[in-house]
Amino acid sequence: MSDALDRGLDEDDIAVLFGCSVQTVRATLSLLDATQAVREAVEAGTITVTQARQLASLKPEEQREKVKQIETATAGTTGHEKARRQRQVLGEAKPRIKSRKEITKALEDASGEYAEALRWVLGEAV
């Protein structure tokens, strides 16, 4: 893809040429800034493209270290457990979705439309 850019094609043309979305082209091109270790981890399925893009913003030594940490942490795991461990290594350990307990606690202090929305999430909407 980088060769196509060098030849003067834009991201839209490359997407048509490779039969993918422009977003996929951008994600793939952003991996060129990552180290070989990161690219190999993506190929092996150890990390996702999104995680590789995050790692690409780090210094090369830090990228290699994070890949090693992820490989060690996720060895022998699959699914949600693997993803959870990947997020821990990358510093994203907080769950994306709030628990029912957290929502109920937030509802105690909420008012107006926000409180109605929280009740709806909990299935208590009237």
Protein backbone atom coordinates (compact mmCIF):
# COMPACT_ATOMS: atom_id res chain seq x y z
CA MET A 1 0.00 0.00 0.00
CA SER A 2 2.83 2.39 0.72
CA ASP A 3 4.14 1.78 -2.80
CA ALA A 4 0.77 2.87 -4.17
CA LEU A 5 0.97 6.07 -2.11
CA ASP A 6 4.47 6.68 -3.46
CA ARG A 7 3.07 6.36 -6.99
CA GLY A 8 0.60 9.15 -6.32
CA LEU A 9 -2.55 7.21 -5.48
CA ASP A 10 -4.68 8.52 -2.65
CA GLU A 11 -6.31 6.45 0.10
CA ASP A 12 -9.60 6.17 -1.80
CA ASP A 13 -7.86 4.75 -4.87
CA ILE A 14 -5.90 2.29 -2.73
CA ALA A 15 -9.11 1.13 -1.04
CA VAL A 16 -10.66 0.38 -4.44
CA LEU A 17 -7.46 -1.29 -5.65
CA PHE A 18 -7.28 -3.63 -2.64
CA GLY A 19 -11.05 -4.05 -2.24
CA CYS A 20 -11.22 -2.71 1.31
CA SER A 21 -12.44 0.39 3.12
CA VAL A 22 -10.53 3.64 3.41
CA GLN A 23 -10.45 3.08 7.17
CA THR A 24 -8.68 -0.25 6.63
CA VAL A 25 -6.14 1.45 4.37
CA ARG A 26 -5.44 4.11 7.03
CA ALA A 27 -5.11 1.49 9.76
CA THR A 28 -2.74 -0.60 7.67
CA LEU A 29 -0.60 2.39 6.70
CA SER A 30 -0.37 3.48 10.33
CA LEU A 31 1.23 0.12 11.13
CA LEU A 32 4.23 1.15 9.05
CA ASP A 33 5.28 3.35 11.99
CA ALA A 34 5.37 0.31 14.28
CA THR A 35 8.35 -1.96 14.88
CA GLN A 36 8.73 -5.36 13.26
CA ALA A 37 7.83 -6.99 16.59
CA VAL A 38 4.47 -5.21 16.62
CA ARG A 39 3.72 -6.12 12.99
CA GLU A 40 4.60 -9.76 13.67
CA ALA A 41 2.35 -9.77 16.75
CA VAL A 42 -0.54 -8.52 14.61
CA GLU A 43 0.14 -11.22 12.01
CA ALA A 44 0.25 -13.88 14.74
CA GLY A 45 -3.01 -12.62 16.28
CA THR A 46 -1.33 -11.76 19.57
CA ILE A 47 -2.54 -8.15 19.39
CA THR A 48 -5.20 -6.36 17.38
CA VAL A 49 -4.60 -3.69 14.75
CA THR A 50 -6.07 -1.10 17.13
CA GLN A 51 -3.62 -2.09 19.84
CA ALA A 52 -0.78 -2.01 17.31
CA ARG A 53 -1.75 1.52 16.37
CA GLN A 54 -1.57 2.49 20.05
CA LEU A 55 1.84 0.87 20.38
CA ALA A 56 3.10 2.66 17.25
CA SER A 57 2.99 5.94 19.16
CA LEU A 58 5.57 4.62 21.66
CA LYS A 59 9.35 4.52 21.29
CA PRO A 60 10.65 1.38 19.52
CA GLU A 61 12.13 -0.09 22.72
CA GLU A 62 8.83 0.42 24.55
CA GLN A 63 6.92 -1.18 21.67
CA ARG A 64 9.05 -4.31 21.82
CA GLU A 65 8.75 -4.48 25.61
CA LYS A 66 4.95 -4.12 25.53
CA VAL A 67 4.67 -6.87 22.89
CA LYS A 68 6.74 -9.19 25.08
CA GLN A 69 4.57 -8.35 28.09
CA ILE A 70 1.39 -9.03 26.12
CA GLU A 71 2.73 -12.32 24.78
CA THR A 72 3.67 -13.44 28.29
CA ALA A 73 0.40 -12.29 29.85
CA THR A 74 -1.85 -13.85 27.21
CA ALA A 75 -0.06 -17.18 26.77
CA GLY A 76 -2.62 -19.97 26.90
CA THR A 77 -5.65 -17.68 27.07
CA THR A 78 -8.42 -16.96 24.59
CA GLY A 79 -11.49 -14.80 24.24
CA HIS A 80 -12.45 -12.33 26.91
CA GLU A 81 -9.65 -13.35 29.26
CA LYS A 82 -7.06 -12.68 26.55
CA ALA A 83 -8.59 -9.28 25.77
CA ARG A 84 -8.73 -8.38 29.47
CA ARG A 85 -5.05 -9.21 29.92
CA GLN A 86 -4.11 -7.25 26.80
CA ARG A 87 -5.93 -4.21 28.17
CA GLN A 88 -4.15 -4.60 31.53
CA VAL A 89 -0.74 -4.54 29.87
CA LEU A 90 -1.66 -1.55 27.73
CA GLY A 91 -3.04 0.33 30.73
CA GLU A 92 -6.71 0.03 29.78
CA ALA A 93 -7.74 -2.25 32.64
CA LYS A 94 -10.97 -0.43 33.44
CA PRO A 95 -14.00 -2.22 31.98
CA ARG A 96 -15.74 -0.34 29.19
CA ILE A 97 -19.26 -1.04 30.47
CA LYS A 98 -20.44 0.05 33.89
CA SER A 99 -21.79 -2.63 36.16
CA ARG A 100 -25.39 -2.68 37.38
CA LYS A 101 -24.09 -1.72 40.83
CA GLU A 102 -22.28 1.36 39.44
CA ILE A 103 -25.37 2.44 37.49
CA THR A 104 -27.60 2.02 40.56
CA LYS A 105 -25.19 4.14 42.63
CA ALA A 106 -25.15 6.84 39.94
CA LEU A 107 -28.95 6.80 39.89
CA GLU A 108 -29.05 7.76 43.58
CA ASP A 109 -27.45 11.14 42.79
CA ALA A 110 -29.01 11.64 39.34
CA SER A 111 -32.03 13.73 38.45
CA GLY A 112 -34.06 14.68 35.40
CA GLU A 113 -33.39 13.15 32.02
CA TYR A 114 -30.16 11.56 33.21
CA ALA A 115 -32.02 9.68 35.94
CA GLU A 116 -34.65 8.58 33.40
CA ALA A 117 -31.92 7.31 31.11
CA LEU A 118 -30.28 5.36 33.94
CA ARG A 119 -33.65 3.82 34.86
CA TRP A 120 -34.12 2.83 31.22
CA VAL A 121 -30.69 1.15 31.19
CA LEU A 122 -31.63 -0.78 34.31
CA GLY A 123 -34.96 -1.77 32.77
CA GLU A 124 -36.93 0.28 35.28
CA ALA A 125 -38.25 2.88 32.84
CA VAL A 126 -41.88 3.82 33.34
